Amino acid sequence: MTGRLTTGCDVQMLRAQTDAKSKGFTDVLYLDSVHKRYLEEVSSCNVFVVKGGVVATPGTRGTILPGITRKSVIELARDHGHKVDHHRLTRVLQAKTLVFLCGLSCQFARVTVVVHCMIFW
């Protein structure tokens, strides 16, 4: 038998993505499942926020996996003199804040518009 096992998490992700796309959005920023206030990821991509020369990304506790692409971005940022923080990102996005994604499925993508979400730390 061939096919893919669909879990409850997959169904919820697909529902959120379908809803977002029907409203004209490209993807969904997901919050943590416990507090529902900390930014964790975008679909199957890791999220990074750059502000004031600091690169911030959620830590690998909980649902964030320590992938090779994520690890490479962190190493490259440090090699180029940036401080990298691993902590919870809350939802306030201020002007002149760079948000980008990385992962095997999306490679690298800059977030150009964020609606209904703000990120700060």
PDB file of N, CA and C in Angstrom:
ATOM      1  N   MET A   1       0.846  -1.170   0.000  1.00  0.00           N
ATOM      2  CA  MET A   1       0.000   0.000   0.000  1.00  0.00           C
ATOM      3  C   MET A   1       0.892   1.234   0.000  1.00  0.00           C
ATOM      4  N   THR A   2       0.588   2.186  -0.859  1.00  0.00           N
ATOM      5  CA  THR A   2       1.354   3.421  -0.906  1.00  0.00           C
ATOM      6  C   THR A   2       0.483   4.565  -0.407  1.00  0.00           C
ATOM      7  N   GLY A   3       1.124   5.645  -0.070  1.00  0.00           N
ATOM      8  CA  GLY A   3       0.377   6.803   0.399  1.00  0.00           C
ATOM      9  C   GLY A   3       1.095   7.463   1.549  1.00  0.00           C
ATOM     10  N   ARG A   4       0.460   8.442   2.090  1.00  0.00           N
ATOM     11  CA  ARG A   4       1.066   9.215   3.166  1.00  0.00           C
ATOM     12  C   ARG A   4       0.116   9.214   4.356  1.00  0.00           C
ATOM     13  N   LEU A   5       0.662   8.973   5.522  1.00  0.00           N
ATOM     14  CA  LEU A   5      -0.126   9.027   6.740  1.00  0.00           C
ATOM     15  C   LEU A   5      -0.347  10.490   7.104  1.00  0.00           C
ATOM     16  N   THR A   6      -1.564  10.883   7.308  1.00  0.00           N
ATOM     17  CA  THR A   6      -1.879  12.260   7.674  1.00  0.00           C
ATOM     18  C   THR A   6      -2.186  12.309   9.158  1.00  0.00           C
ATOM     19  N   THR A   7      -1.465  13.155   9.872  1.00  0.00           N
ATOM     20  CA  THR A   7      -1.687  13.290  11.309  1.00  0.00           C
ATOM     21  C   THR A   7      -2.551  14.503  11.571  1.00  0.00           C
ATOM     22  N   GLY A   8      -2.997  14.639  12.797  1.00  0.00           N
ATOM     23  CA  GLY A   8      -3.808  15.798  13.178  1.00  0.00           C
ATOM     24  C   GLY A   8      -3.075  17.099  12.939  1.00  0.00           C
ATOM     25  N   CYS A   9      -1.766  17.112  13.184  1.00  0.00           N
ATOM     26  CA  CYS A   9      -0.969  18.315  12.972  1.00  0.00           C
ATOM     27  C   CYS A   9      -0.957  18.694  11.492  1.00  0.00           C
ATOM     28  N   ASP A  10      -0.798  17.707  10.620  1.00  0.00           N
ATOM     29  CA  ASP A  10      -0.806  17.965   9.181  1.00  0.00           C
ATOM     30  C   ASP A  10      -2.138  18.556   8.739  1.00  0.00           C
ATOM     31  N   VAL A  11      -3.231  18.020   9.264  1.00  0.00           N
ATOM     32  CA  VAL A  11      -4.556  18.495   8.896  1.00  0.00           C
ATOM     33  C   VAL A  11      -4.731  19.946   9.325  1.00  0.00           C
ATOM     34  N   GLN A  12      -4.310  20.276  10.532  1.00  0.00           N
ATOM     35  CA  GLN A  12      -4.424  21.651  11.014  1.00  0.00           C
ATOM     36  C   GLN A  12      -3.583  22.594  10.165  1.00  0.00           C
ATOM     37  N   MET A  13      -2.367  22.163   9.791  1.00  0.00           N
ATOM     38  CA  MET A  13      -1.497  22.993   8.963  1.00  0.00           C
ATOM     39  C   MET A  13      -2.124  23.214   7.593  1.00  0.00           C
ATOM     40  N   LEU A  14      -2.653  22.161   7.004  1.00  0.00           N
ATOM     41  CA  LEU A  14      -3.289  22.285   5.692  1.00  0.00           C
ATOM     42  C   LEU A  14      -4.511  23.193   5.758  1.00  0.00           C
ATOM     43  N   ARG A  15      -5.271  23.099   6.824  1.00  0.00           N
ATOM     44  CA  ARG A  15      -6.458  23.949   6.990  1.00  0.00           C
ATOM     45  C   ARG A  15      -6.044  25.420   7.065  1.00  0.00           C
ATOM     46  N   ALA A  16      -5.011  25.708   7.860  1.00  0.00           N
ATOM     47  CA  ALA A  16      -4.539  27.092   7.999  1.00  0.00           C
ATOM     48  C   ALA A  16      -3.982  27.619   6.673  1.00  0.00           C
ATOM     49  N   GLN A  17      -3.221  26.786   5.959  1.00  0.00           N
ATOM     50  CA  GLN A  17      -2.652  27.215   4.677  1.00  0.00           C
ATOM     51  C   GLN A  17      -3.739  27.435   3.639  1.00  0.00           C
ATOM     52  N   THR A  18      -4.706  26.564   3.582  1.00  0.00           N
ATOM     53  CA  THR A  18      -5.798  26.708   2.624  1.00  0.00           C
ATOM     54  C   THR A  18      -6.578  27.988   2.902  1.00  0.00           C
ATOM     55  N   ASP A  19      -6.854  28.252   4.164  1.00  0.00           N
ATOM     56  CA  ASP A  19      -7.573  29.466   4.549  1.00  0.00           C
ATOM     57  C   ASP A  19      -6.764  30.708   4.173  1.00  0.00           C
ATOM     58  N   ALA A  20      -5.460  30.683   4.464  1.00  0.00           N
ATOM     59  CA  ALA A  20      -4.600  31.840   4.145  1.00  0.00           C
ATOM     60  C   ALA A  20      -4.541  32.079   2.638  1.00  0.00           C
ATOM     61  N   LYS A  21      -4.367  31.023   1.868  1.00  0.00           N
ATOM     62  CA  LYS A  21      -4.282  31.169   0.403  1.00  0.00           C
ATOM     63  C   LYS A  21      -5.598  31.666  -0.186  1.00  0.00           C
ATOM     64  N   SER A  22      -6.720  31.242   0.390  1.00  0.00           N
ATOM     65  CA  SER A  22      -8.020  31.708  -0.109  1.00  0.00           C
ATOM     66  C   SER A  22      -8.216  33.203   0.136  1.00  0.00           C
ATOM     67  N   LYS A  23      -7.453  33.749   1.086  1.00  0.00           N
ATOM     68  CA  LYS A  23      -7.527  35.179   1.396  1.00  0.00           C
ATOM     69  C   LYS A  23      -6.401  35.967   0.732  1.00  0.00           C
ATOM     70  N   GLY A  24      -5.627  35.284  -0.146  1.00  0.00           N
ATOM     71  CA  GLY A  24      -4.589  35.962  -0.908  1.00  0.00           C
ATOM     72  C   GLY A  24      -3.204  35.975  -0.285  1.00  0.00           C
ATOM     73  N   PHE A  25      -3.007  35.245   0.809  1.00  0.00           N
ATOM     74  CA  PHE A  25      -1.705  35.202   1.454  1.00  0.00           C
ATOM     75  C   PHE A  25      -0.895  34.028   0.933  1.00  0.00           C
ATOM     76  N   THR A  26       0.420  34.122   1.059  1.00  0.00           N
ATOM     77  CA  THR A  26       1.308  33.079   0.561  1.00  0.00           C
ATOM     78  C   THR A  26       1.482  31.944   1.554  1.00  0.00           C
ATOM     79  N   ASP A  27       1.573  32.271   2.834  1.00  0.00           N
ATOM     80  CA  ASP A  27       1.858  31.244   3.828  1.00  0.00           C
ATOM     81  C   ASP A  27       1.355  31.678   5.190  1.00  0.00           C
ATOM     82  N   VAL A  28       1.631  30.873   6.193  1.00  0.00           N
ATOM     83  CA  VAL A  28       1.134  31.094   7.542  1.00  0.00           C
ATOM     84  C   VAL A  28       2.294  31.096   8.527  1.00  0.00           C
ATOM     85  N   LEU A  29       2.332  32.082   9.419  1.00  0.00           N
ATOM     86  CA  LEU A  29       3.272  32.097  10.538  1.00  0.00           C
ATOM     87  C   LEU A  29       2.597  31.345  11.679  1.00  0.00           C
ATOM     88  N   TYR A  30       3.255  30.321  12.193  1.00  0.00           N
ATOM     89  CA  TYR A  30       2.656  29.519  13.250  1.00  0.00           C
ATOM     90  C   TYR A  30       3.182  29.925  14.614  1.00  0.00           C
ATOM     91  N   LEU A  31       2.272  29.997  15.572  1.00  0.00           N
ATOM     92  CA  LEU A  31       2.621  30.298  16.955  1.00  0.00           C
ATOM     93  C   LEU A  31       2.808  28.991  17.721  1.00  0.00           C
ATOM     94  N   ASP A  32       3.436  29.096  18.885  1.00  0.00           N
ATOM     95  CA  ASP A  32       3.649  27.897  19.703  1.00  0.00           C
ATOM     96  C   ASP A  32       2.301  27.326  20.147  1.00  0.00           C
ATOM     97  N   SER A  33       2.263  26.032  20.367  1.00  0.00           N
ATOM     98  CA  SER A  33       1.001  25.364  20.689  1.00  0.00           C
ATOM     99  C   SER A  33       0.631  25.466  22.162  1.00  0.00           C
ATOM    100  N   VAL A  34       1.563  25.849  23.024  1.00  0.00           N
ATOM    101  CA  VAL A  34       1.281  25.928  24.448  1.00  0.00           C
ATOM    102  C   VAL A  34       0.709  27.286  24.834  1.00  0.00           C
ATOM    103  N   HIS A  35       1.463  28.352  24.553  1.00  0.00           N
ATOM    104  CA  HIS A  35       1.057  29.697  24.964  1.00  0.00           C
ATOM    105  C   HIS A  35       0.286  30.445  23.874  1.00  0.00           C
ATOM    106  N   LYS A  36       0.447  30.011  22.636  1.00  0.00           N
ATOM    107  CA  LYS A  36      -0.192  30.627  21.469  1.00  0.00           C
ATOM    108  C   LYS A  36       0.158  32.113  21.336  1.00  0.00           C
ATOM    109  N   ARG A  37       1.426  32.429  21.631  1.00  0.00           N
ATOM    110  CA  ARG A  37       1.863  33.820  21.496  1.00  0.00           C
ATOM    111  C   ARG A  37       3.282  33.955  20.965  1.00  0.00           C
ATOM    112  N   TYR A  38       4.014  32.863  20.877  1.00  0.00           N
ATOM    113  CA  TYR A  38       5.393  32.925  20.412  1.00  0.00           C
ATOM    114  C   TYR A  38       5.504  32.367  18.991  1.00  0.00           C
ATOM    115  N   LEU A  39       6.146  33.118  18.116  1.00  0.00           N
ATOM    116  CA  LEU A  39       6.336  32.686  16.736  1.00  0.00           C
ATOM    117  C   LEU A  39       7.296  31.504  16.708  1.00  0.00           C
ATOM    118  N   GLU A  40       6.907  30.425  16.012  1.00  0.00           N
ATOM    119  CA  GLU A  40       7.764  29.251  15.956  1.00  0.00           C
ATOM    120  C   GLU A  40       8.290  28.946  14.566  1.00  0.00           C
ATOM    121  N   GLU A  41       7.430  28.951  13.564  1.00  0.00           N
ATOM    122  CA  GLU A  41       7.878  28.582  12.232  1.00  0.00           C
ATOM    123  C   GLU A  41       6.870  29.038  11.191  1.00  0.00           C
ATOM    124  N   VAL A  42       7.240  28.831   9.939  1.00  0.00           N
ATOM    125  CA  VAL A  42       6.358  29.106   8.812  1.00  0.00           C
ATOM    126  C   VAL A  42       6.296  27.816   8.010  1.00  0.00           C
ATOM    127  N   SER A  43       5.154  27.146   8.054  1.00  0.00           N
ATOM    128  CA  SER A  43       4.992  25.832   7.410  1.00  0.00           C
ATOM    129  C   SER A  43       6.154  24.937   7.785  1.00  0.00           C
ATOM    130  N   SER A  44       6.961  24.531   6.824  1.00  0.00           N
ATOM    131  CA  SER A  44       8.088  23.651   7.131  1.00  0.00           C
ATOM    132  C   SER A  44       9.405  24.414   7.095  1.00  0.00           C
ATOM    133  N   CYS A  45       9.364  25.690   7.360  1.00  0.00           N
ATOM    134  CA  CYS A  45      10.564  26.530   7.315  1.00  0.00           C
ATOM    135  C   CYS A  45      10.869  27.117   8.687  1.00  0.00           C
ATOM    136  N   ASN A  46      12.146  27.338   8.936  1.00  0.00           N
ATOM    137  CA  ASN A  46      12.569  28.058  10.134  1.00  0.00           C
ATOM    138  C   ASN A  46      12.464  29.541   9.876  1.00  0.00           C
ATOM    139  N   VAL A  47      12.173  30.299  10.911  1.00  0.00           N
ATOM    140  CA  VAL A  47      12.032  31.744  10.783  1.00  0.00           C
ATOM    141  C   VAL A  47      13.168  32.434  11.531  1.00  0.00           C
ATOM    142  N   PHE A  48      13.692  33.494  10.914  1.00  0.00           N
ATOM    143  CA  PHE A  48      14.756  34.314  11.500  1.00  0.00           C
ATOM    144  C   PHE A  48      14.325  35.770  11.427  1.00  0.00           C
ATOM    145  N   VAL A  49      14.636  36.514  12.473  1.00  0.00           N
ATOM    146  CA  VAL A  49      14.346  37.935  12.523  1.00  0.00           C
ATOM    147  C   VAL A  49      15.665  38.650  12.776  1.00  0.00           C
ATOM    148  N   VAL A  50      15.959  39.658  11.947  1.00  0.00           N
ATOM    149  CA  VAL A  50      17.214  40.413  12.085  1.00  0.00           C
ATOM    150  C   VAL A  50      16.860  41.851  12.439  1.00  0.00           C
ATOM    151  N   LYS A  51      17.390  42.301  13.557  1.00  0.00           N
ATOM    152  CA  LYS A  51      17.114  43.657  14.013  1.00  0.00           C
ATOM    153  C   LYS A  51      18.326  44.148  14.803  1.00  0.00           C
ATOM    154  N   GLY A  52      18.836  45.304  14.436  1.00  0.00           N
ATOM    155  CA  GLY A  52      19.962  45.878  15.158  1.00  0.00           C
ATOM    156  C   GLY A  52      21.207  45.019  15.140  1.00  0.00           C
ATOM    157  N   GLY A  53      21.432  44.294  14.054  1.00  0.00           N
ATOM    158  CA  GLY A  53      22.617  43.454  13.940  1.00  0.00           C
ATOM    159  C   GLY A  53      22.526  42.132  14.675  1.00  0.00           C
ATOM    160  N   VAL A  54      21.375  41.852  15.286  1.00  0.00           N
ATOM    161  CA  VAL A  54      21.179  40.585  16.000  1.00  0.00           C
ATOM    162  C   VAL A  54      20.247  39.703  15.180  1.00  0.00           C
ATOM    163  N   VAL A  55      20.638  38.461  14.999  1.00  0.00           N
ATOM    164  CA  VAL A  55      19.817  37.478  14.297  1.00  0.00           C
ATOM    165  C   VAL A  55      19.144  36.629  15.372  1.00  0.00           C
ATOM    166  N   ALA A  56      17.820  36.642  15.385  1.00  0.00           N
ATOM    167  CA  ALA A  56      17.074  35.882  16.395  1.00  0.00           C
ATOM    168  C   ALA A  56      16.249  34.801  15.719  1.00  0.00           C
ATOM    169  N   THR A  57      16.165  33.675  16.375  1.00  0.00           N
ATOM    170  CA  THR A  57      15.376  32.544  15.896  1.00  0.00           C
ATOM    171  C   THR A  57      14.915  31.750  17.105  1.00  0.00           C
ATOM    172  N   PRO A  58      13.751  31.123  17.036  1.00  0.00           N
ATOM    173  CA  PRO A  58      13.315  30.320  18.178  1.00  0.00           C
ATOM    174  C   PRO A  58      14.316  29.209  18.481  1.00  0.00           C
ATOM    175  N   GLY A  59      14.457  28.882  19.759  1.00  0.00           N
ATOM    176  CA  GLY A  59      15.336  27.775  20.154  1.00  0.00           C
ATOM    177  C   GLY A  59      14.759  26.443  19.724  1.00  0.00           C
ATOM    178  N   THR A  60      15.553  25.401  19.832  1.00  0.00           N
ATOM    179  CA  THR A  60      15.119  24.082  19.365  1.00  0.00           C
ATOM    180  C   THR A  60      14.383  23.268  20.419  1.00  0.00           C
ATOM    181  N   ARG A  61      13.902  23.915  21.436  1.00  0.00           N
ATOM    182  CA  ARG A  61      13.075  23.185  22.397  1.00  0.00           C
ATOM    183  C   ARG A  61      11.639  23.132  21.841  1.00  0.00           C
ATOM    184  N   GLY A  62      10.902  22.156  22.269  1.00  0.00           N
ATOM    185  CA  GLY A  62       9.524  22.064  21.800  1.00  0.00           C
ATOM    186  C   GLY A  62       9.430  21.482  20.408  1.00  0.00           C
ATOM    187  N   THR A  63       8.807  22.222  19.491  1.00  0.00           N
ATOM    188  CA  THR A  63       8.521  21.675  18.157  1.00  0.00           C
ATOM    189  C   THR A  63       9.546  22.065  17.098  1.00  0.00           C
ATOM    190  N   ILE A  64      10.526  22.901  17.435  1.00  0.00           N
ATOM    191  CA  ILE A  64      11.513  23.337  16.452  1.00  0.00           C
ATOM    192  C   ILE A  64      12.619  22.295  16.344  1.00  0.00           C
ATOM    193  N   LEU A  65      12.828  21.803  15.133  1.00  0.00           N
ATOM    194  CA  LEU A  65      13.855  20.789  14.910  1.00  0.00           C
ATOM    195  C   LEU A  65      15.189  21.432  14.535  1.00  0.00           C
ATOM    196  N   PRO A  66      16.300  20.852  14.985  1.00  0.00           N
ATOM    197  CA  PRO A  66      17.628  21.398  14.680  1.00  0.00           C
ATOM    198  C   PRO A  66      18.117  20.950  13.296  1.00  0.00           C
ATOM    199  N   GLY A  67      17.525  21.491  12.244  1.00  0.00           N
ATOM    200  CA  GLY A  67      17.866  21.091  10.880  1.00  0.00           C
ATOM    201  C   GLY A  67      19.205  21.632  10.412  1.00  0.00           C
ATOM    202  N   ILE A  68      19.725  21.041   9.359  1.00  0.00           N
ATOM    203  CA  ILE A  68      21.034  21.409   8.814  1.00  0.00           C
ATOM    204  C   ILE A  68      21.010  22.802   8.186  1.00  0.00           C
ATOM    205  N   THR A  69      19.913  23.179   7.518  1.00  0.00           N
ATOM    206  CA  THR A  69      19.828  24.509   6.913  1.00  0.00           C
ATOM    207  C   THR A  69      19.810  25.569   7.999  1.00  0.00           C
ATOM    208  N   ARG A  70      19.046  25.350   9.043  1.00  0.00           N
ATOM    209  CA  ARG A  70      18.989  26.273  10.182  1.00  0.00           C
ATOM    210  C   ARG A  70      20.380  26.423  10.801  1.00  0.00           C
ATOM    211  N   LYS A  71      21.023  25.295  11.026  1.00  0.00           N
ATOM    212  CA  LYS A  71      22.369  25.294  11.618  1.00  0.00           C
ATOM    213  C   LYS A  71      23.352  26.063  10.737  1.00  0.00           C
ATOM    214  N   SER A  72      23.265  25.882   9.432  1.00  0.00           N
ATOM    215  CA  SER A  72      24.161  26.576   8.495  1.00  0.00           C
ATOM    216  C   SER A  72      23.949  28.087   8.528  1.00  0.00           C
ATOM    217  N   VAL A  73      22.690  28.527   8.585  1.00  0.00           N
ATOM    218  CA  VAL A  73      22.397  29.964   8.656  1.00  0.00           C
ATOM    219  C   VAL A  73      22.987  30.547   9.929  1.00  0.00           C
ATOM    220  N   ILE A  74      22.831  29.852  11.033  1.00  0.00           N
ATOM    221  CA  ILE A  74      23.357  30.328  12.313  1.00  0.00           C
ATOM    222  C   ILE A  74      24.882  30.424  12.262  1.00  0.00           C
ATOM    223  N   GLU A  75      25.530  29.412  11.708  1.00  0.00           N
ATOM    224  CA  GLU A  75      26.995  29.433  11.598  1.00  0.00           C
ATOM    225  C   GLU A  75      27.472  30.556  10.684  1.00  0.00           C
ATOM    226  N   LEU A  76      26.799  30.749   9.549  1.00  0.00           N
ATOM    227  CA  LEU A  76      27.178  31.831   8.628  1.00  0.00           C
ATOM    228  C   LEU A  76      26.989  33.202   9.267  1.00  0.00           C
ATOM    229  N   ALA A  77      25.900  33.379   9.995  1.00  0.00           N
ATOM    230  CA  ALA A  77      25.664  34.660  10.672  1.00  0.00           C
ATOM    231  C   ALA A  77      26.778  34.941  11.673  1.00  0.00           C
ATOM    232  N   ARG A  78      27.145  33.962  12.460  1.00  0.00           N
ATOM    233  CA  ARG A  78      28.227  34.138  13.442  1.00  0.00           C
ATOM    234  C   ARG A  78      29.559  34.390  12.754  1.00  0.00           C
ATOM    235  N   ASP A  79      29.822  33.656  11.674  1.00  0.00           N
ATOM    236  CA  ASP A  79      31.078  33.842  10.926  1.00  0.00           C
ATOM    237  C   ASP A  79      31.197  35.254  10.366  1.00  0.00           C
ATOM    238  N   HIS A  80      30.062  35.903  10.104  1.00  0.00           N
ATOM    239  CA  HIS A  80      30.056  37.268   9.572  1.00  0.00           C
ATOM    240  C   HIS A  80      29.884  38.320  10.665  1.00  0.00           C
ATOM    241  N   GLY A  81      30.092  37.911  11.910  1.00  0.00           N
ATOM    242  CA  GLY A  81      30.119  38.854  13.019  1.00  0.00           C
ATOM    243  C   GLY A  81      28.790  39.214  13.649  1.00  0.00           C
ATOM    244  N   HIS A  82      27.726  38.492  13.299  1.00  0.00           N
ATOM    245  CA  HIS A  82      26.419  38.783  13.890  1.00  0.00           C
ATOM    246  C   HIS A  82      26.228  37.990  15.181  1.00  0.00           C
ATOM    247  N   LYS A  83      25.589  38.593  16.125  1.00  0.00           N
ATOM    248  CA  LYS A  83      25.186  37.888  17.332  1.00  0.00           C
ATOM    249  C   LYS A  83      23.930  37.092  16.981  1.00  0.00           C
ATOM    250  N   VAL A  84      23.849  35.858  17.445  1.00  0.00           N
ATOM    251  CA  VAL A  84      22.669  35.023  17.195  1.00  0.00           C
ATOM    252  C   VAL A  84      22.023  34.694  18.532  1.00  0.00           C
ATOM    253  N   ASP A  85      20.759  35.026  18.661  1.00  0.00           N
ATOM    254  CA  ASP A  85      19.990  34.725  19.868  1.00  0.00           C
ATOM    255  C   ASP A  85      18.975  33.636  19.567  1.00  0.00           C
ATOM    256  N   HIS A  86      18.858  32.700  20.495  1.00  0.00           N
ATOM    257  CA  HIS A  86      17.844  31.643  20.402  1.00  0.00           C
ATOM    258  C   HIS A  86      16.866  31.884  21.538  1.00  0.00           C
ATOM    259  N   HIS A  87      15.736  32.428  21.222  1.00  0.00           N
ATOM    260  CA  HIS A  87      14.737  32.665  22.257  1.00  0.00           C
ATOM    261  C   HIS A  87      13.357  32.810  21.632  1.00  0.00           C
ATOM    262  N   ARG A  88      12.386  32.927  22.462  1.00  0.00           N
ATOM    263  CA  ARG A  88      11.009  33.066  21.984  1.00  0.00           C
ATOM    264  C   ARG A  88      10.815  34.425  21.315  1.00  0.00           C
ATOM    265  N   LEU A  89      10.174  34.394  20.178  1.00  0.00           N
ATOM    266  CA  LEU A  89       9.839  35.620  19.454  1.00  0.00           C
ATOM    267  C   LEU A  89       8.361  35.888  19.668  1.00  0.00           C
ATOM    268  N   THR A  90       8.050  37.054  20.211  1.00  0.00           N
ATOM    269  CA  THR A  90       6.644  37.392  20.378  1.00  0.00           C
ATOM    270  C   THR A  90       6.191  38.214  19.186  1.00  0.00           C
ATOM    271  N   ARG A  91       4.916  38.526  19.108  1.00  0.00           N
ATOM    272  CA  ARG A  91       4.311  38.996  17.870  1.00  0.00           C
ATOM    273  C   ARG A  91       4.266  40.507  17.686  1.00  0.00           C
ATOM    274  N   VAL A  92       5.384  41.160  17.578  1.00  0.00           N
ATOM    275  CA  VAL A  92       5.381  42.580  17.224  1.00  0.00           C
ATOM    276  C   VAL A  92       6.462  42.812  16.180  1.00  0.00           C
ATOM    277  N   LEU A  93       6.078  43.227  14.995  1.00  0.00           N
ATOM    278  CA  LEU A  93       7.026  43.493  13.919  1.00  0.00           C
ATOM    279  C   LEU A  93       7.164  44.991  13.764  1.00  0.00           C
ATOM    280  N   GLN A  94       8.354  45.490  13.992  1.00  0.00           N
ATOM    281  CA  GLN A  94       8.594  46.915  13.891  1.00  0.00           C
ATOM    282  C   GLN A  94       9.193  47.238  12.531  1.00  0.00           C
ATOM    283  N   ALA A  95       9.125  48.500  12.146  1.00  0.00           N
ATOM    284  CA  ALA A  95       9.689  48.937  10.869  1.00  0.00           C
ATOM    285  C   ALA A  95      11.175  48.594  10.817  1.00  0.00           C
ATOM    286  N   LYS A  96      11.659  48.348   9.620  1.00  0.00           N
ATOM    287  CA  LYS A  96      13.067  48.052   9.359  1.00  0.00           C
ATOM    288  C   LYS A  96      13.549  46.788  10.056  1.00  0.00           C
ATOM    289  N   THR A  97      12.662  45.826  10.223  1.00  0.00           N
ATOM    290  CA  THR A  97      13.020  44.526  10.764  1.00  0.00           C
ATOM    291  C   THR A  97      13.003  43.534   9.612  1.00  0.00           C
ATOM    292  N   LEU A  98      14.104  42.839   9.416  1.00  0.00           N
ATOM    293  CA  LEU A  98      14.197  41.842   8.349  1.00  0.00           C
ATOM    294  C   LEU A  98      13.727  40.503   8.888  1.00  0.00           C
ATOM    295  N   VAL A  99      12.804  39.879   8.179  1.00  0.00           N
ATOM    296  CA  VAL A  99      12.325  38.547   8.529  1.00  0.00           C
ATOM    297  C   VAL A  99      12.586  37.659   7.320  1.00  0.00           C
ATOM    298  N   PHE A 100      13.247  36.518   7.559  1.00  0.00           N
ATOM    299  CA  PHE A 100      13.451  35.586   6.446  1.00  0.00           C
ATOM    300  C   PHE A 100      13.268  34.161   6.917  1.00  0.00           C
ATOM    301  N   LEU A 101      13.053  33.278   5.956  1.00  0.00           N
ATOM    302  CA  LEU A 101      12.782  31.868   6.206  1.00  0.00           C
ATOM    303  C   LEU A 101      13.856  31.022   5.564  1.00  0.00           C
ATOM    304  N   CYS A 102      14.095  29.860   6.122  1.00  0.00           N
ATOM    305  CA  CYS A 102      14.998  28.917   5.465  1.00  0.00           C
ATOM    306  C   CYS A 102      14.540  27.503   5.782  1.00  0.00           C
ATOM    307  N   GLY A 103      14.863  26.621   4.894  1.00  0.00           N
ATOM    308  CA  GLY A 103      14.521  25.217   5.070  1.00  0.00           C
ATOM    309  C   GLY A 103      14.693  24.491   3.754  1.00  0.00           C
ATOM    310  N   LEU A 104      14.681  23.185   3.816  1.00  0.00           N
ATOM    311  CA  LEU A 104      14.870  22.408   2.595  1.00  0.00           C
ATOM    312  C   LEU A 104      13.757  22.660   1.585  1.00  0.00           C
ATOM    313  N   SER A 105      12.536  22.861   2.071  1.00  0.00           N
ATOM    314  CA  SER A 105      11.424  23.037   1.136  1.00  0.00           C
ATOM    315  C   SER A 105      11.361  24.439   0.540  1.00  0.00           C
ATOM    316  N   CYS A 106      11.727  25.455   1.310  1.00  0.00           N
ATOM    317  CA  CYS A 106      11.606  26.825   0.791  1.00  0.00           C
ATOM    318  C   CYS A 106      12.958  27.435   0.448  1.00  0.00           C
ATOM    319  N   GLN A 107      14.058  26.748   0.767  1.00  0.00           N
ATOM    320  CA  GLN A 107      15.413  27.266   0.607  1.00  0.00           C
ATOM    321  C   GLN A 107      15.537  28.547   1.410  1.00  0.00           C
ATOM    322  N   PHE A 108      15.612  29.712   0.775  1.00  0.00           N
ATOM    323  CA  PHE A 108      15.640  30.985   1.489  1.00  0.00           C
ATOM    324  C   PHE A 108      14.575  31.896   0.907  1.00  0.00           C
ATOM    325  N   ALA A 109      13.853  32.558   1.777  1.00  0.00           N
ATOM    326  CA  ALA A 109      12.818  33.471   1.314  1.00  0.00           C
ATOM    327  C   ALA A 109      12.719  34.639   2.286  1.00  0.00           C
ATOM    328  N   ARG A 110      12.708  35.840   1.738  1.00  0.00           N
ATOM    329  CA  ARG A 110      12.515  37.024   2.564  1.00  0.00           C
ATOM    330  C   ARG A 110      11.018  37.269   2.719  1.00  0.00           C
ATOM    331  N   VAL A 111      10.613  37.581   3.924  1.00  0.00           N
ATOM    332  CA  VAL A 111       9.223  37.908   4.174  1.00  0.00           C
ATOM    333  C   VAL A 111       9.067  39.391   3.874  1.00  0.00           C
ATOM    334  N   THR A 112       8.201  39.706   2.923  1.00  0.00           N
ATOM    335  CA  THR A 112       8.042  41.105   2.515  1.00  0.00           C
ATOM    336  C   THR A 112       6.847  41.782   3.155  1.00  0.00           C
ATOM    337  N   VAL A 113       5.823  41.020   3.477  1.00  0.00           N
ATOM    338  CA  VAL A 113       4.637  41.596   4.105  1.00  0.00           C
ATOM    339  C   VAL A 113       4.156  40.643   5.192  1.00  0.00           C
ATOM    340  N   VAL A 114       3.908  41.194   6.357  1.00  0.00           N
ATOM    341  CA  VAL A 114       3.331  40.401   7.447  1.00  0.00           C
ATOM    342  C   VAL A 114       2.042  41.113   7.844  1.00  0.00           C
ATOM    343  N   VAL A 115       0.945  40.375   7.807  1.00  0.00           N
ATOM    344  CA  VAL A 115      -0.363  40.933   8.147  1.00  0.00           C
ATOM    345  C   VAL A 115      -0.846  40.285   9.451  1.00  0.00           C
ATOM    346  N   HIS A 116      -1.388  41.090  10.336  1.00  0.00           N
ATOM    347  CA  HIS A 116      -1.929  40.601  11.602  1.00  0.00           C
ATOM    348  C   HIS A 116      -0.886  39.945  12.486  1.00  0.00           C
ATOM    349  N   CYS A 117       0.330  40.375  12.414  1.00  0.00           N
ATOM    350  CA  CYS A 117       1.366  39.809  13.270  1.00  0.00           C
ATOM    351  C   CYS A 117       2.476  40.817  13.433  1.00  0.00           C
ATOM    352  N   MET A 118       3.011  40.897  14.614  1.00  0.00           N
ATOM    353  CA  MET A 118       4.148  41.759  14.859  1.00  0.00           C
ATOM    354  C   MET A 118       5.127  40.958  15.688  1.00  0.00           C
ATOM    355  N   ILE A 119       6.424  41.142  15.459  1.00  0.00           N
ATOM    356  CA  ILE A 119       7.437  40.314  16.110  1.00  0.00           C
ATOM    357  C   ILE A 119       8.382  41.196  16.898  1.00  0.00           C
ATOM    358  N   PHE A 120       8.625  40.878  18.139  1.00  0.00           N
ATOM    359  CA  PHE A 120       9.663  41.592  18.887  1.00  0.00           C
ATOM    360  C   PHE A 120      10.295  40.647  19.900  1.00  0.00           C
ATOM    361  N   TRP A 121      11.446  41.082  20.396  1.00  0.00           N
ATOM    362  CA  TRP A 121      12.093  40.330  21.473  1.00  0.00           C
ATOM    363  C   TRP A 121      12.769  41.286  22.403  1.00  0.00           C
TER     364      TRP A 121
END
